[in-house]
Amino acid sequence: MNALLVPLVLALTGGYALARGTDVFPVFLRGAADGLRTAARLLPTMLALLTAVTMLRASGFIDLAGQAMQPLLALAGIPPDCAPLVLLKPLSGSGGLALGQEIMRTCGVDSEAGRAAAVMLGASETSLYTIGIYCGHLRLKRTGYVVPAALLADLAAFVCAARCVRWLG
């Protein structure tokens, strides 16, 4: 059934357009052009964010900041090996995945840190990246409450993930 879902949706959409007398191809071309314009507007923001994340990761700042925050995060129940993940995941999904893979390779996939990293990756969002893209696209200037709320939600996801992994053993 799942293999038929996409063709079925396309067929229903095409049938609906035919029933309404809509010429589908020009509408498709307008949508594709709008998508390209949106991508062009997002590109500078994406390049700036990806450059910043690459610089932070390559310079070792994420690892050093993670080590500095280990005692505080340990009070929240987050394994010490997951501290850099807590800092990087809100900025970069691919960076978070790379750190998660590194944690699982060094600590083991069945270790507390490996399981916590896996749950943290699934439970949290690349908040700062997403906010940067949306606010950059919409040209929003005042996002004072958005960033702290998103980071607080990510912290709650990290703490809950670590505690659930510890609780479930």
N, C-alpha and C. Protein backbone atom coordinates (compact mmCIF):
# COMPACT_ATOMS: atom_id res chain seq x y z
N MET A 1 0.82 -1.20 0.00
CA MET A 1 0.00 0.00 0.00
C MET A 1 0.86 1.26 0.00
N ASN A 2 1.94 1.27 0.78
CA ASN A 2 2.81 2.45 0.84
C ASN A 2 3.42 2.78 -0.51
N ALA A 3 3.75 1.75 -1.30
CA ALA A 3 4.35 1.99 -2.61
C ALA A 3 3.37 2.65 -3.56
N LEU A 4 2.09 2.52 -3.31
CA LEU A 4 1.08 3.11 -4.18
C LEU A 4 0.65 4.50 -3.74
N LEU A 5 1.08 4.93 -2.57
CA LEU A 5 0.61 6.19 -2.01
C LEU A 5 0.97 7.40 -2.87
N VAL A 6 2.22 7.53 -3.26
CA VAL A 6 2.65 8.69 -4.05
C VAL A 6 1.99 8.69 -5.43
N PRO A 7 2.01 7.57 -6.17
CA PRO A 7 1.30 7.60 -7.46
C PRO A 7 -0.19 7.89 -7.31
N LEU A 8 -0.81 7.40 -6.24
CA LEU A 8 -2.23 7.65 -6.01
C LEU A 8 -2.49 9.14 -5.76
N VAL A 9 -1.65 9.77 -4.94
CA VAL A 9 -1.81 11.21 -4.67
C VAL A 9 -1.63 12.01 -5.96
N LEU A 10 -0.61 11.65 -6.75
CA LEU A 10 -0.39 12.35 -8.02
C LEU A 10 -1.56 12.17 -8.97
N ALA A 11 -2.09 10.97 -9.06
CA ALA A 11 -3.24 10.70 -9.94
C ALA A 11 -4.47 11.47 -9.47
N LEU A 12 -4.71 11.48 -8.16
CA LEU A 12 -5.87 12.23 -7.64
C LEU A 12 -5.72 13.73 -7.88
N THR A 13 -4.52 14.24 -7.70
CA THR A 13 -4.28 15.66 -7.95
C THR A 13 -4.49 16.00 -9.42
N GLY A 14 -3.95 15.16 -10.30
CA GLY A 14 -4.14 15.37 -11.73
C GLY A 14 -5.60 15.27 -12.13
N GLY A 15 -6.31 14.30 -11.59
CA GLY A 15 -7.74 14.15 -11.87
C GLY A 15 -8.54 15.34 -11.39
N TYR A 16 -8.22 15.84 -10.22
CA TYR A 16 -8.90 17.02 -9.68
C TYR A 16 -8.65 18.23 -10.57
N ALA A 17 -7.39 18.40 -11.02
CA ALA A 17 -7.06 19.53 -11.89
C ALA A 17 -7.81 19.42 -13.22
N LEU A 18 -7.89 18.22 -13.77
CA LEU A 18 -8.63 18.02 -15.02
C LEU A 18 -10.11 18.32 -14.84
N ALA A 19 -10.68 17.89 -13.72
CA ALA A 19 -12.10 18.12 -13.46
C ALA A 19 -12.40 19.61 -13.33
N ARG A 20 -11.45 20.37 -12.81
CA ARG A 20 -11.64 21.82 -12.67
C ARG A 20 -11.25 22.58 -13.92
N GLY A 21 -10.64 21.90 -14.88
CA GLY A 21 -10.22 22.55 -16.11
C GLY A 21 -8.93 23.33 -15.97
N THR A 22 -8.11 22.96 -15.01
CA THR A 22 -6.84 23.63 -14.77
C THR A 22 -5.76 23.02 -15.65
N ASP A 23 -4.99 23.88 -16.31
CA ASP A 23 -3.86 23.42 -17.10
C ASP A 23 -2.69 23.21 -16.13
N VAL A 24 -2.35 21.98 -15.86
CA VAL A 24 -1.43 21.61 -14.79
C VAL A 24 0.00 22.07 -15.05
N PHE A 25 0.46 21.95 -16.27
CA PHE A 25 1.87 22.23 -16.54
C PHE A 25 2.27 23.68 -16.25
N PRO A 26 1.51 24.69 -16.70
CA PRO A 26 1.90 26.07 -16.34
C PRO A 26 1.86 26.33 -14.84
N VAL A 27 0.92 25.73 -14.14
CA VAL A 27 0.86 25.88 -12.69
C VAL A 27 2.10 25.25 -12.05
N PHE A 28 2.48 24.09 -12.55
CA PHE A 28 3.69 23.43 -12.06
C PHE A 28 4.92 24.31 -12.30
N LEU A 29 5.02 24.90 -13.49
CA LEU A 29 6.17 25.76 -13.81
C LEU A 29 6.22 26.99 -12.91
N ARG A 30 5.05 27.59 -12.62
CA ARG A 30 5.03 28.74 -11.69
C ARG A 30 5.49 28.32 -10.30
N GLY A 31 5.04 27.17 -9.85
CA GLY A 31 5.46 26.67 -8.54
C GLY A 31 6.95 26.38 -8.49
N ALA A 32 7.49 25.80 -9.56
CA ALA A 32 8.93 25.52 -9.61
C ALA A 32 9.73 26.83 -9.60
N ALA A 33 9.26 27.84 -10.34
CA ALA A 33 9.95 29.13 -10.36
C ALA A 33 9.91 29.79 -8.97
N ASP A 34 8.77 29.71 -8.30
CA ASP A 34 8.67 30.25 -6.94
C ASP A 34 9.62 29.52 -6.00
N GLY A 35 9.71 28.22 -6.15
CA GLY A 35 10.62 27.44 -5.32
C GLY A 35 12.07 27.84 -5.53
N LEU A 36 12.46 28.08 -6.78
CA LEU A 36 13.83 28.50 -7.07
C LEU A 36 14.12 29.89 -6.48
N ARG A 37 13.13 30.80 -6.56
CA ARG A 37 13.33 32.13 -5.96
C ARG A 37 13.49 32.02 -4.44
N THR A 38 12.69 31.17 -3.83
CA THR A 38 12.80 30.97 -2.38
C THR A 38 14.17 30.40 -2.03
N ALA A 39 14.62 29.42 -2.78
CA ALA A 39 15.94 28.82 -2.53
C ALA A 39 17.05 29.87 -2.68
N ALA A 40 16.93 30.74 -3.67
CA ALA A 40 17.93 31.78 -3.88
C ALA A 40 17.95 32.77 -2.70
N ARG A 41 16.78 33.07 -2.14
CA ARG A 41 16.73 33.98 -0.98
C ARG A 41 17.29 33.31 0.28
N LEU A 42 17.14 31.99 0.39
CA LEU A 42 17.63 31.28 1.58
C LEU A 42 19.12 31.00 1.53
N LEU A 43 19.70 30.96 0.35
CA LEU A 43 21.09 30.55 0.18
C LEU A 43 22.08 31.35 1.02
N PRO A 44 22.03 32.67 1.07
CA PRO A 44 23.02 33.39 1.91
C PRO A 44 22.93 33.02 3.39
N THR A 45 21.71 32.88 3.90
CA THR A 45 21.55 32.51 5.31
C THR A 45 22.10 31.12 5.56
N MET A 46 21.80 30.18 4.66
CA MET A 46 22.30 28.82 4.82
C MET A 46 23.82 28.77 4.76
N LEU A 47 24.42 29.50 3.84
CA LEU A 47 25.88 29.52 3.74
C LEU A 47 26.52 30.10 5.00
N ALA A 48 25.94 31.17 5.53
CA ALA A 48 26.49 31.78 6.75
C ALA A 48 26.41 30.80 7.92
N LEU A 49 25.26 30.14 8.09
CA LEU A 49 25.11 29.19 9.20
C LEU A 49 26.03 27.99 9.05
N LEU A 50 26.12 27.45 7.85
CA LEU A 50 26.99 26.28 7.64
C LEU A 50 28.45 26.64 7.84
N THR A 51 28.84 27.84 7.42
CA THR A 51 30.22 28.29 7.63
C THR A 51 30.51 28.43 9.12
N ALA A 52 29.59 29.03 9.86
CA ALA A 52 29.79 29.21 11.30
C ALA A 52 29.90 27.87 12.01
N VAL A 53 29.03 26.93 11.68
CA VAL A 53 29.07 25.61 12.32
C VAL A 53 30.37 24.90 11.98
N THR A 54 30.81 24.97 10.74
CA THR A 54 32.06 24.33 10.34
C THR A 54 33.25 24.93 11.09
N MET A 55 33.24 26.25 11.22
CA MET A 55 34.33 26.91 11.94
C MET A 55 34.34 26.53 13.42
N LEU A 56 33.17 26.50 14.05
CA LEU A 56 33.09 26.12 15.46
C LEU A 56 33.57 24.70 15.68
N ARG A 57 33.17 23.81 14.79
CA ARG A 57 33.54 22.39 14.93
C ARG A 57 35.03 22.18 14.64
N ALA A 58 35.53 22.79 13.56
CA ALA A 58 36.93 22.60 13.17
C ALA A 58 37.90 23.24 14.16
N SER A 59 37.49 24.33 14.79
CA SER A 59 38.38 25.01 15.74
C SER A 59 38.49 24.27 17.07
N GLY A 60 37.57 23.34 17.32
CA GLY A 60 37.57 22.62 18.58
C GLY A 60 36.76 23.31 19.66
N PHE A 61 36.10 24.42 19.31
CA PHE A 61 35.33 25.17 20.30
C PHE A 61 34.20 24.33 20.88
N ILE A 62 33.51 23.58 20.04
CA ILE A 62 32.38 22.77 20.51
C ILE A 62 32.86 21.75 21.55
N ASP A 63 34.00 21.11 21.27
CA ASP A 63 34.53 20.12 22.22
C ASP A 63 34.97 20.77 23.53
N LEU A 64 35.65 21.92 23.44
CA LEU A 64 36.10 22.62 24.65
C LEU A 64 34.92 23.12 25.48
N ALA A 65 33.93 23.69 24.80
CA ALA A 65 32.75 24.17 25.52
C ALA A 65 31.98 23.01 26.14
N GLY A 66 31.95 21.89 25.43
CA GLY A 66 31.30 20.69 25.97
C GLY A 66 31.99 20.19 27.22
N GLN A 67 33.32 20.19 27.21
CA GLN A 67 34.07 19.78 28.39
C GLN A 67 33.81 20.72 29.56
N ALA A 68 33.74 22.02 29.26
CA ALA A 68 33.49 23.00 30.32
C ALA A 68 32.09 22.84 30.92
N MET A 69 31.14 22.42 30.10
CA MET A 69 29.76 22.29 30.57
C MET A 69 29.44 20.92 31.15
N GLN A 70 30.38 19.97 31.08
CA GLN A 70 30.11 18.61 31.56
C GLN A 70 29.61 18.56 33.00
N PRO A 71 30.21 19.29 33.95
CA PRO A 71 29.71 19.20 35.33
C PRO A 71 28.25 19.67 35.46
N LEU A 72 27.91 20.74 34.77
CA LEU A 72 26.55 21.26 34.84
C LEU A 72 25.56 20.29 34.17
N LEU A 73 25.95 19.75 33.04
CA LEU A 73 25.08 18.81 32.34
C LEU A 73 24.96 17.49 33.10
N ALA A 74 26.02 17.11 33.81
CA ALA A 74 25.96 15.88 34.61
C ALA A 74 24.91 16.00 35.71
N LEU A 75 24.75 17.21 36.26
CA LEU A 75 23.70 17.43 37.27
C LEU A 75 22.31 17.20 36.68
N ALA A 76 22.17 17.46 35.38
CA ALA A 76 20.90 17.24 34.71
C ALA A 76 20.73 15.80 34.24
N GLY A 77 21.77 14.98 34.44
CA GLY A 77 21.67 13.57 34.07
C GLY A 77 22.16 13.26 32.67
N ILE A 78 22.80 14.22 32.02
CA ILE A 78 23.29 14.01 30.66
C ILE A 78 24.70 13.42 30.73
N PRO A 79 24.94 12.29 30.05
CA PRO A 79 26.27 11.67 30.08
C PRO A 79 27.35 12.65 29.60
N PRO A 80 28.52 12.61 30.21
CA PRO A 80 29.59 13.55 29.84
C PRO A 80 29.97 13.51 28.36
N ASP A 81 29.92 12.33 27.75
CA ASP A 81 30.28 12.21 26.34
C ASP A 81 29.27 12.90 25.42
N CYS A 82 28.09 13.18 25.93
CA CYS A 82 27.04 13.81 25.11
C CYS A 82 27.04 15.33 25.21
N ALA A 83 27.93 15.91 26.02
CA ALA A 83 27.95 17.36 26.20
C ALA A 83 28.16 18.12 24.89
N PRO A 84 29.12 17.72 24.04
CA PRO A 84 29.26 18.45 22.77
C PRO A 84 28.03 18.33 21.88
N LEU A 85 27.34 17.22 21.96
CA LEU A 85 26.12 17.02 21.16
C LEU A 85 25.04 18.02 21.57
N VAL A 86 24.94 18.28 22.88
CA VAL A 86 23.96 19.23 23.40
C VAL A 86 24.23 20.63 22.82
N LEU A 87 25.49 20.97 22.62
CA LEU A 87 25.84 22.28 22.08
C LEU A 87 25.68 22.37 20.56
N LEU A 88 25.97 21.30 19.86
CA LEU A 88 26.00 21.36 18.40
C LEU A 88 24.66 21.07 17.74
N LYS A 89 23.85 20.21 18.31
CA LYS A 89 22.60 19.80 17.66
C LYS A 89 21.66 20.96 17.37
N PRO A 90 21.51 21.96 18.27
CA PRO A 90 20.63 23.08 17.91
C PRO A 90 21.13 23.89 16.71
N LEU A 91 22.42 23.79 16.40
CA LEU A 91 22.99 24.54 15.28
C LEU A 91 22.98 23.77 13.97
N SER A 92 23.22 22.46 14.05
CA SER A 92 23.44 21.70 12.83
C SER A 92 22.98 20.26 12.98
N GLY A 93 22.06 19.86 12.15
CA GLY A 93 21.60 18.48 12.16
C GLY A 93 22.67 17.52 11.70
N SER A 94 23.37 17.86 10.61
CA SER A 94 24.42 16.97 10.12
C SER A 94 25.60 16.93 11.08
N GLY A 95 25.92 18.07 11.70
CA GLY A 95 26.97 18.09 12.72
C GLY A 95 26.58 17.25 13.92
N GLY A 96 25.31 17.34 14.31
CA GLY A 96 24.81 16.52 15.41
C GLY A 96 24.88 15.04 15.09
N LEU A 97 24.51 14.68 13.86
CA LEU A 97 24.59 13.27 13.45
C LEU A 97 26.03 12.77 13.46
N ALA A 98 26.95 13.62 13.00
CA ALA A 98 28.36 13.23 13.01
C ALA A 98 28.86 13.03 14.44
N LEU A 99 28.48 13.92 15.35
CA LEU A 99 28.87 13.76 16.75
C LEU A 99 28.22 12.52 17.36
N GLY A 100 26.95 12.30 17.05
CA GLY A 100 26.28 11.10 17.54
C GLY A 100 26.98 9.83 17.07
N GLN A 101 27.37 9.81 15.81
CA GLN A 101 28.10 8.66 15.28
C GLN A 101 29.45 8.49 16.00
N GLU A 102 30.11 9.60 16.26
CA GLU A 102 31.39 9.54 16.97
C GLU A 102 31.20 9.01 18.39
N ILE A 103 30.14 9.46 19.07
CA ILE A 103 29.86 8.98 20.43
C ILE A 103 29.60 7.48 20.40
N MET A 104 28.81 7.03 19.44
CA MET A 104 28.50 5.61 19.36
C MET A 104 29.72 4.77 18.98
N ARG A 105 30.61 5.34 18.17
CA ARG A 105 31.82 4.60 17.78
C ARG A 105 32.78 4.49 18.96
N THR A 106 32.93 5.57 19.73
CA THR A 106 33.91 5.55 20.83
C THR A 106 33.35 4.88 22.08
N CYS A 107 32.07 5.10 22.37
CA CYS A 107 31.49 4.57 23.61
C CYS A 107 30.75 3.25 23.41
N GLY A 108 30.33 3.01 22.18
CA GLY A 108 29.55 1.81 21.89
C GLY A 108 28.07 2.15 21.76
N VAL A 109 27.40 1.46 20.86
CA VAL A 109 25.99 1.77 20.62
C VAL A 109 25.10 1.37 21.78
N ASP A 110 25.53 0.38 22.57
CA ASP A 110 24.72 -0.08 23.71
C ASP A 110 25.11 0.60 25.01
N SER A 111 26.06 1.52 24.96
CA SER A 111 26.45 2.24 26.18
C SER A 111 25.37 3.27 26.50
N GLU A 112 25.41 3.75 27.73
CA GLU A 112 24.44 4.78 28.12
C GLU A 112 24.60 6.03 27.25
N ALA A 113 25.83 6.43 26.99
CA ALA A 113 26.07 7.61 26.17
C ALA A 113 25.59 7.38 24.73
N GLY A 114 25.83 6.21 24.18
CA GLY A 114 25.40 5.90 22.82
C GLY A 114 23.89 5.90 22.68
N ARG A 115 23.21 5.28 23.65
CA ARG A 115 21.74 5.26 23.60
C ARG A 115 21.18 6.66 23.84
N ALA A 116 21.77 7.39 24.80
CA ALA A 116 21.31 8.75 25.07
C ALA A 116 21.50 9.64 23.84
N ALA A 117 22.64 9.51 23.17
CA ALA A 117 22.89 10.31 21.96
C ALA A 117 21.85 9.99 20.89
N ALA A 118 21.53 8.71 20.71
CA ALA A 118 20.54 8.34 19.70
C ALA A 118 19.17 8.94 20.02
N VAL A 119 18.76 8.88 21.27
CA VAL A 119 17.46 9.43 21.65
C VAL A 119 17.50 10.96 21.57
N MET A 120 18.60 11.57 21.96
CA MET A 120 18.72 13.03 21.88
C MET A 120 18.61 13.51 20.43
N LEU A 121 19.23 12.78 19.52
CA LEU A 121 19.17 13.18 18.12
C LEU A 121 17.74 13.14 17.59
N GLY A 122 16.97 12.17 18.05
CA GLY A 122 15.60 12.06 17.59
C GLY A 122 14.64 12.97 18.33
N ALA A 123 14.99 13.38 19.54
CA ALA A 123 14.07 14.14 20.37
C ALA A 123 14.24 15.65 20.23
N SER A 124 15.33 16.09 19.63
CA SER A 124 15.59 17.52 19.57
C SER A 124 15.54 18.03 18.13
N GLU A 125 15.61 19.33 18.01
CA GLU A 125 15.50 19.99 16.71
C GLU A 125 16.74 20.84 16.47
N THR A 126 17.04 21.11 15.23
CA THR A 126 18.12 22.05 14.90
C THR A 126 17.53 23.46 14.99
N SER A 127 17.23 23.86 16.21
CA SER A 127 16.45 25.07 16.47
C SER A 127 17.07 26.33 15.90
N LEU A 128 18.32 26.58 16.21
CA LEU A 128 18.94 27.83 15.76
C LEU A 128 19.05 27.87 14.25
N TYR A 129 19.32 26.74 13.65
CA TYR A 129 19.38 26.66 12.19
C TYR A 129 18.01 26.96 11.59
N THR A 130 16.98 26.33 12.14
CA THR A 130 15.62 26.53 11.63
C THR A 130 15.16 27.97 11.82
N ILE A 131 15.43 28.52 13.00
CA ILE A 131 15.06 29.92 13.26
C ILE A 131 15.81 30.84 12.30
N GLY A 132 17.09 30.57 12.10
CA GLY A 132 17.87 31.39 11.18
C GLY A 132 17.33 31.36 9.76
N ILE A 133 16.95 30.18 9.30
CA ILE A 133 16.43 30.06 7.94
C ILE A 133 15.08 30.77 7.83
N TYR A 134 14.15 30.49 8.74
CA TYR A 134 12.83 31.10 8.65
C TYR A 134 12.88 32.61 8.83
N CYS A 135 13.60 33.06 9.85
CA CYS A 135 13.65 34.50 10.10
C CYS A 135 14.43 35.22 8.99
N GLY A 136 15.44 34.56 8.45
CA GLY A 136 16.16 35.14 7.33
C GLY A 136 15.29 35.23 6.09
N HIS A 137 14.49 34.21 5.86
CA HIS A 137 13.60 34.21 4.69
C HIS A 137 12.51 35.26 4.83
N LEU A 138 11.95 35.37 6.02
CA LEU A 138 10.86 36.32 6.25
C LEU A 138 11.38 37.72 6.60
N ARG A 139 12.70 37.84 6.74
CA ARG A 139 13.35 39.11 7.09
C ARG A 139 12.85 39.66 8.44
N LEU A 140 12.67 38.76 9.40
CA LEU A 140 12.24 39.16 10.73
C LEU A 140 13.45 39.69 11.50
N LYS A 141 13.25 40.76 12.20
CA LYS A 141 14.35 41.37 12.96
C LYS A 141 14.24 41.06 14.45
N ARG A 142 13.05 41.09 14.99
CA ARG A 142 12.86 40.92 16.43
C ARG A 142 12.46 39.48 16.73
N THR A 143 13.42 38.71 17.19
CA THR A 143 13.16 37.31 17.53
C THR A 143 13.59 37.05 18.98
N GLY A 144 13.43 38.04 19.82
CA GLY A 144 13.93 37.99 21.19
C GLY A 144 13.43 36.81 22.01
N TYR A 145 12.18 36.42 21.86
CA TYR A 145 11.64 35.32 22.66
C TYR A 145 11.77 33.97 21.98
N VAL A 146 11.97 33.99 20.68
CA VAL A 146 12.00 32.74 19.92
C VAL A 146 13.24 31.91 20.28
N VAL A 147 14.39 32.53 20.29
CA VAL A 147 15.63 31.78 20.54
C VAL A 147 15.68 31.19 21.95
N PRO A 148 15.42 31.96 23.01
CA PRO A 148 15.44 31.34 24.34
C PRO A 148 14.40 30.22 24.49
N ALA A 149 13.22 30.41 23.92
CA ALA A 149 12.18 29.37 24.02
C ALA A 149 12.62 28.10 23.29
N ALA A 150 13.21 28.25 22.12
CA ALA A 150 13.65 27.09 21.35
C ALA A 150 14.80 26.37 22.07
N LEU A 151 15.74 27.14 22.61
CA LEU A 151 16.86 26.51 23.33
C LEU A 151 16.40 25.82 24.61
N LEU A 152 15.43 26.41 25.28
CA LEU A 152 14.86 25.77 26.47
C LEU A 152 14.16 24.46 26.10
N ALA A 153 13.44 24.46 24.99
CA ALA A 153 12.79 23.24 24.52
C ALA A 153 13.82 22.17 24.17
N ASP A 154 14.91 22.57 23.53
CA ASP A 154 15.98 21.61 23.21
C ASP A 154 16.61 21.05 24.48
N LEU A 155 16.87 21.92 25.46
CA LEU A 155 17.44 21.47 26.72
C LEU A 155 16.51 20.47 27.40
N ALA A 156 15.22 20.77 27.39
CA ALA A 156 14.24 19.83 27.97
C ALA A 156 14.28 18.49 27.23
N ALA A 157 14.41 18.53 25.91
CA ALA A 157 14.48 17.29 25.12
C ALA A 157 15.74 16.50 25.49
N PHE A 158 16.88 17.19 25.64
CA PHE A 158 18.13 16.50 25.98
C PHE A 158 18.06 15.87 27.37
N VAL A 159 17.55 16.63 28.34
CA VAL A 159 17.46 16.11 29.71
C VAL A 159 16.48 14.94 29.77
N CYS A 160 15.33 15.09 29.16
CA CYS A 160 14.34 13.99 29.16
C CYS A 160 14.87 12.76 28.46
N ALA A 161 15.58 12.94 27.35
CA ALA A 161 16.15 11.81 26.62
C ALA A 161 17.15 11.07 27.50
N ALA A 162 18.05 11.82 28.14
CA ALA A 162 19.07 11.18 28.98
C ALA A 162 18.44 10.47 30.17
N ARG A 163 17.47 11.10 30.79
CA ARG A 163 16.82 10.48 31.96
C ARG A 163 16.00 9.26 31.57
N CYS A 164 15.32 9.32 30.45
CA CYS A 164 14.55 8.15 29.99
C CYS A 164 15.47 6.97 29.66
N VAL A 165 16.59 7.27 29.02
CA VAL A 165 17.54 6.19 28.73
C VAL A 165 18.07 5.57 30.01
N ARG A 166 18.40 6.41 30.98
CA ARG A 166 18.89 5.90 32.27
C ARG A 166 17.79 5.12 32.99
N TRP A 167 16.58 5.63 32.96
CA TRP A 167 15.44 4.99 33.65
C TRP A 167 15.09 3.65 33.01
N LEU A 168 15.12 3.59 31.68
CA LEU A 168 14.77 2.35 30.99
C LEU A 168 15.92 1.35 30.98
N GLY A 169 17.08 1.82 31.36
CA GLY A 169 18.22 0.93 31.54
C GLY A 169 18.78 0.40 30.31
